[in-house]
Amino acid sequence: MIAVLGIIAAIAVLSIGGVIEKTRRDVCDANTAEVERQYERHLHLEGVEHSKAAFGQFLLDFGEEVCPVDGVIHYVDSEVRCSVHSEESPGDDEDEEDVPFL
């Protein structure tokens, strides 16, 4: 009986860990999208061109934590990217409901 409860507890902990990581990724994705919108608006309204210095200053002025696990935020090819959560190309996420092809 105790062994069964131990197995159930282990499965629950693993499930919760996956949910927490997915939530962190979702928060980072939402935050990077918001930073991207605001930075592009800033460039347009201020009439300045993108540079690493301009983006770095913008992030300091933004004043919020973008990535919940402290990933490094970059502006690459007109996209704000996180060193931890933006490594995959869009569309690479596997849907848990999809049936894999054999």
N, C-alpha and C. Protein backbone atom coordinates (compact mmCIF):
# COMPACT_ATOMS: atom_id res chain seq x y z
N MET A 1 0.83 -1.19 0.00
CA MET A 1 0.00 0.00 0.00
C MET A 1 0.87 1.26 0.00
N ILE A 2 1.92 1.29 0.82
CA ILE A 2 2.80 2.45 0.89
C ILE A 2 3.55 2.63 -0.42
N ALA A 3 3.92 1.51 -1.05
CA ALA A 3 4.62 1.59 -2.33
C ALA A 3 3.73 2.22 -3.40
N VAL A 4 2.47 1.86 -3.40
CA VAL A 4 1.53 2.42 -4.37
C VAL A 4 1.39 3.93 -4.15
N LEU A 5 1.28 4.33 -2.89
CA LEU A 5 1.18 5.76 -2.59
C LEU A 5 2.45 6.50 -3.00
N GLY A 6 3.60 5.86 -2.82
CA GLY A 6 4.87 6.45 -3.23
C GLY A 6 4.93 6.66 -4.73
N ILE A 7 4.45 5.68 -5.48
CA ILE A 7 4.44 5.78 -6.96
C ILE A 7 3.50 6.90 -7.40
N ILE A 8 2.34 6.95 -6.79
CA ILE A 8 1.37 8.00 -7.12
C ILE A 8 1.94 9.38 -6.80
N ALA A 9 2.61 9.49 -5.65
CA ALA A 9 3.22 10.77 -5.28
C ALA A 9 4.31 11.17 -6.25
N ALA A 10 5.12 10.21 -6.70
CA ALA A 10 6.18 10.51 -7.66
C ALA A 10 5.61 11.00 -8.98
N ILE A 11 4.55 10.37 -9.44
CA ILE A 11 3.90 10.79 -10.68
C ILE A 11 3.33 12.19 -10.52
N ALA A 12 2.72 12.47 -9.38
CA ALA A 12 2.15 13.79 -9.14
C ALA A 12 3.23 14.87 -9.14
N VAL A 13 4.36 14.58 -8.51
CA VAL A 13 5.46 15.56 -8.46
C VAL A 13 5.98 15.82 -9.87
N LEU A 14 6.16 14.78 -10.67
CA LEU A 14 6.63 14.96 -12.04
C LEU A 14 5.63 15.75 -12.87
N SER A 15 4.36 15.50 -12.68
CA SER A 15 3.32 16.23 -13.42
C SER A 15 3.33 17.70 -13.04
N ILE A 16 3.43 17.98 -11.77
CA ILE A 16 3.45 19.37 -11.31
C ILE A 16 4.69 20.09 -11.82
N GLY A 17 5.83 19.38 -11.82
CA GLY A 17 7.06 19.98 -12.35
C GLY A 17 6.91 20.38 -13.80
N GLY A 18 6.26 19.55 -14.60
CA GLY A 18 6.02 19.87 -16.01
C GLY A 18 5.10 21.07 -16.17
N VAL A 19 4.10 21.15 -15.32
CA VAL A 19 3.16 22.28 -15.37
C VAL A 19 3.88 23.57 -15.00
N ILE A 20 4.75 23.50 -14.00
CA ILE A 20 5.48 24.69 -13.58
C ILE A 20 6.41 25.17 -14.70
N GLU A 21 7.11 24.26 -15.35
CA GLU A 21 8.02 24.66 -16.45
C GLU A 21 7.23 25.24 -17.62
N LYS A 22 6.08 24.64 -17.94
CA LYS A 22 5.25 25.17 -19.03
C LYS A 22 4.74 26.56 -18.67
N THR A 23 4.38 26.77 -17.42
CA THR A 23 3.92 28.09 -16.99
C THR A 23 5.04 29.12 -17.10
N ARG A 24 6.25 28.74 -16.72
CA ARG A 24 7.39 29.66 -16.84
C ARG A 24 7.64 30.01 -18.30
N ARG A 25 7.55 29.03 -19.19
CA ARG A 25 7.73 29.29 -20.62
C ARG A 25 6.63 30.23 -21.13
N ASP A 26 5.39 29.98 -20.72
CA ASP A 26 4.27 30.82 -21.16
C ASP A 26 4.44 32.26 -20.68
N VAL A 27 4.89 32.44 -19.43
CA VAL A 27 5.12 33.78 -18.89
C VAL A 27 6.21 34.47 -19.69
N CYS A 28 7.30 33.76 -19.96
CA CYS A 28 8.41 34.33 -20.72
C CYS A 28 7.96 34.70 -22.14
N ASP A 29 7.19 33.82 -22.77
CA ASP A 29 6.70 34.11 -24.13
C ASP A 29 5.82 35.35 -24.14
N ALA A 30 4.92 35.47 -23.17
CA ALA A 30 4.04 36.64 -23.10
C ALA A 30 4.86 37.91 -22.83
N ASN A 31 5.82 37.82 -21.94
CA ASN A 31 6.64 38.99 -21.62
C ASN A 31 7.51 39.41 -22.79
N THR A 32 8.12 38.46 -23.50
CA THR A 32 8.96 38.83 -24.64
C THR A 32 8.11 39.45 -25.75
N ALA A 33 6.89 38.95 -25.93
CA ALA A 33 6.00 39.55 -26.93
C ALA A 33 5.65 40.99 -26.55
N GLU A 34 5.42 41.24 -25.27
CA GLU A 34 5.11 42.59 -24.80
C GLU A 34 6.32 43.52 -24.95
N VAL A 35 7.50 43.03 -24.60
CA VAL A 35 8.71 43.83 -24.76
C VAL A 35 8.92 44.16 -26.24
N GLU A 36 8.70 43.17 -27.10
CA GLU A 36 8.87 43.39 -28.54
C GLU A 36 7.93 44.49 -29.04
N ARG A 37 6.66 44.42 -28.65
CA ARG A 37 5.69 45.45 -29.07
C ARG A 37 6.10 46.83 -28.57
N GLN A 38 6.47 46.90 -27.30
CA GLN A 38 6.81 48.20 -26.74
C GLN A 38 8.13 48.74 -27.30
N TYR A 39 9.09 47.86 -27.55
CA TYR A 39 10.37 48.32 -28.09
C TYR A 39 10.19 48.83 -29.52
N GLU A 40 9.43 48.11 -30.33
CA GLU A 40 9.19 48.57 -31.70
C GLU A 40 8.43 49.89 -31.71
N ARG A 41 7.49 50.03 -30.79
CA ARG A 41 6.77 51.31 -30.67
C ARG A 41 7.74 52.42 -30.25
N HIS A 42 8.63 52.11 -29.31
CA HIS A 42 9.63 53.06 -28.85
C HIS A 42 10.53 53.51 -30.01
N LEU A 43 11.00 52.55 -30.80
CA LEU A 43 11.86 52.89 -31.94
C LEU A 43 11.13 53.82 -32.91
N HIS A 44 9.88 53.50 -33.18
CA HIS A 44 9.09 54.29 -34.13
C HIS A 44 8.81 55.70 -33.59
N LEU A 45 8.34 55.79 -32.35
CA LEU A 45 7.97 57.09 -31.79
C LEU A 45 9.18 57.99 -31.55
N GLU A 46 10.30 57.39 -31.15
CA GLU A 46 11.50 58.18 -30.88
C GLU A 46 12.32 58.45 -32.15
N GLY A 47 11.98 57.74 -33.22
CA GLY A 47 12.70 57.92 -34.48
C GLY A 47 14.15 57.46 -34.43
N VAL A 48 14.41 56.41 -33.66
CA VAL A 48 15.77 55.89 -33.55
C VAL A 48 15.86 54.52 -34.20
N GLU A 49 17.08 54.14 -34.54
CA GLU A 49 17.32 52.82 -35.13
C GLU A 49 17.72 51.86 -34.02
N HIS A 50 17.48 50.59 -34.26
CA HIS A 50 17.86 49.58 -33.27
C HIS A 50 19.38 49.48 -33.15
N SER A 51 19.84 49.33 -31.92
CA SER A 51 21.23 49.00 -31.64
C SER A 51 21.23 48.22 -30.33
N LYS A 52 22.31 47.51 -30.08
CA LYS A 52 22.40 46.76 -28.82
C LYS A 52 22.30 47.71 -27.63
N ALA A 53 22.93 48.86 -27.74
CA ALA A 53 22.89 49.84 -26.65
C ALA A 53 21.47 50.36 -26.43
N ALA A 54 20.77 50.66 -27.53
CA ALA A 54 19.40 51.17 -27.41
C ALA A 54 18.49 50.12 -26.78
N PHE A 55 18.66 48.86 -27.18
CA PHE A 55 17.82 47.80 -26.61
C PHE A 55 18.17 47.57 -25.14
N GLY A 56 19.45 47.59 -24.82
CA GLY A 56 19.86 47.42 -23.43
C GLY A 56 19.28 48.51 -22.54
N GLN A 57 19.33 49.75 -23.01
CA GLN A 57 18.76 50.85 -22.24
C GLN A 57 17.25 50.70 -22.12
N PHE A 58 16.60 50.26 -23.21
CA PHE A 58 15.16 50.05 -23.16
C PHE A 58 14.80 49.01 -22.11
N LEU A 59 15.57 47.91 -22.05
CA LEU A 59 15.29 46.88 -21.05
C LEU A 59 15.46 47.43 -19.63
N LEU A 60 16.47 48.25 -19.43
CA LEU A 60 16.64 48.86 -18.10
C LEU A 60 15.46 49.74 -17.75
N ASP A 61 15.00 50.54 -18.72
CA ASP A 61 13.86 51.42 -18.50
C ASP A 61 12.56 50.63 -18.35
N PHE A 62 12.48 49.47 -19.02
CA PHE A 62 11.28 48.62 -18.94
C PHE A 62 11.05 48.20 -17.49
N GLY A 63 12.13 47.87 -16.82
CA GLY A 63 12.10 47.68 -15.38
C GLY A 63 11.40 46.46 -14.85
N GLU A 64 11.03 45.52 -15.68
CA GLU A 64 10.37 44.32 -15.19
C GLU A 64 11.20 43.11 -15.57
N GLU A 65 11.07 42.07 -14.78
CA GLU A 65 11.72 40.81 -15.10
C GLU A 65 10.99 40.20 -16.29
N VAL A 66 11.71 39.96 -17.37
CA VAL A 66 11.08 39.43 -18.58
C VAL A 66 10.96 37.91 -18.49
N CYS A 67 12.06 37.25 -18.15
CA CYS A 67 12.07 35.80 -18.05
C CYS A 67 12.08 35.38 -16.58
N PRO A 68 11.15 34.51 -16.17
CA PRO A 68 11.09 34.11 -14.77
C PRO A 68 12.28 33.27 -14.30
N VAL A 69 13.08 32.75 -15.23
CA VAL A 69 14.27 31.98 -14.84
C VAL A 69 15.54 32.73 -15.23
N ASP A 70 15.43 34.03 -15.40
CA ASP A 70 16.56 34.92 -15.67
C ASP A 70 17.30 34.60 -16.97
N GLY A 71 16.57 34.25 -18.01
CA GLY A 71 17.19 34.09 -19.32
C GLY A 71 17.65 35.45 -19.84
N VAL A 72 18.66 35.44 -20.70
CA VAL A 72 19.18 36.67 -21.29
C VAL A 72 18.28 37.05 -22.46
N ILE A 73 17.85 38.30 -22.48
CA ILE A 73 16.92 38.79 -23.50
C ILE A 73 17.70 39.51 -24.59
N HIS A 74 17.43 39.13 -25.86
CA HIS A 74 18.10 39.73 -27.02
C HIS A 74 17.04 40.17 -28.03
N TYR A 75 17.43 41.10 -28.89
CA TYR A 75 16.59 41.52 -30.01
C TYR A 75 17.30 41.08 -31.27
N VAL A 76 16.76 40.05 -31.94
CA VAL A 76 17.41 39.46 -33.11
C VAL A 76 16.40 39.37 -34.24
N ASP A 77 16.77 39.90 -35.40
CA ASP A 77 15.90 39.84 -36.59
C ASP A 77 14.49 40.35 -36.28
N SER A 78 14.42 41.49 -35.62
CA SER A 78 13.15 42.14 -35.27
C SER A 78 12.29 41.31 -34.33
N GLU A 79 12.92 40.42 -33.55
CA GLU A 79 12.20 39.63 -32.56
C GLU A 79 12.93 39.68 -31.23
N VAL A 80 12.17 39.77 -30.15
CA VAL A 80 12.76 39.67 -28.82
C VAL A 80 12.82 38.19 -28.48
N ARG A 81 14.01 37.73 -28.09
CA ARG A 81 14.22 36.31 -27.84
C ARG A 81 14.86 36.12 -26.47
N CYS A 82 14.51 35.02 -25.84
CA CYS A 82 15.07 34.64 -24.54
C CYS A 82 16.07 33.52 -24.75
N SER A 83 17.20 33.59 -24.06
CA SER A 83 18.24 32.56 -24.23
C SER A 83 17.79 31.20 -23.70
N VAL A 84 16.79 31.17 -22.85
CA VAL A 84 16.32 29.90 -22.29
C VAL A 84 15.10 29.37 -23.04
N HIS A 85 14.13 30.23 -23.31
CA HIS A 85 12.84 29.77 -23.82
C HIS A 85 12.62 29.99 -25.30
N SER A 86 13.49 30.69 -26.00
CA SER A 86 13.25 30.98 -27.41
C SER A 86 14.15 30.20 -28.35
N GLU A 87 14.76 29.15 -27.88
CA GLU A 87 15.69 28.39 -28.72
C GLU A 87 14.99 27.63 -29.84
N GLU A 88 13.76 27.22 -29.60
CA GLU A 88 13.04 26.46 -30.62
C GLU A 88 12.40 27.41 -31.62
N SER A 89 12.30 26.95 -32.84
CA SER A 89 11.61 27.73 -33.86
C SER A 89 10.12 27.66 -33.61
N PRO A 90 9.39 28.70 -34.03
CA PRO A 90 7.94 28.63 -33.88
C PRO A 90 7.39 27.42 -34.63
N GLY A 91 6.45 26.73 -34.00
CA GLY A 91 5.86 25.56 -34.62
C GLY A 91 6.56 24.27 -34.25
N ASP A 92 7.67 24.35 -33.51
CA ASP A 92 8.37 23.14 -33.10
C ASP A 92 7.74 22.49 -31.88
N ASP A 93 6.85 23.21 -31.21
CA ASP A 93 6.22 22.64 -30.02
C ASP A 93 5.40 21.42 -30.41
N GLU A 94 5.57 20.36 -29.66
CA GLU A 94 4.81 19.16 -29.95
C GLU A 94 3.49 19.23 -29.21
N ASP A 95 2.42 18.97 -29.92
CA ASP A 95 1.11 18.92 -29.29
C ASP A 95 0.95 17.57 -28.64
N GLU A 96 0.54 17.56 -27.38
CA GLU A 96 0.38 16.32 -26.67
C GLU A 96 -0.76 15.49 -27.25
N GLU A 97 -1.67 16.13 -27.96
CA GLU A 97 -2.82 15.42 -28.50
C GLU A 97 -2.55 14.83 -29.88
N ASP A 98 -1.46 15.21 -30.52
CA ASP A 98 -1.14 14.69 -31.85
C ASP A 98 -0.71 13.23 -31.76
N VAL A 99 -1.05 12.49 -32.77
CA VAL A 99 -0.63 11.10 -32.85
C VAL A 99 0.63 11.06 -33.68
N PRO A 100 1.72 10.50 -33.17
CA PRO A 100 2.97 10.48 -33.94
C PRO A 100 2.88 9.52 -35.11
N PHE A 101 3.58 9.86 -36.17
CA PHE A 101 3.64 8.98 -37.32
C PHE A 101 4.74 7.96 -37.09
N LEU A 102 4.48 6.73 -37.43
CA LEU A 102 5.47 5.67 -37.26
C LEU A 102 6.13 5.34 -38.56
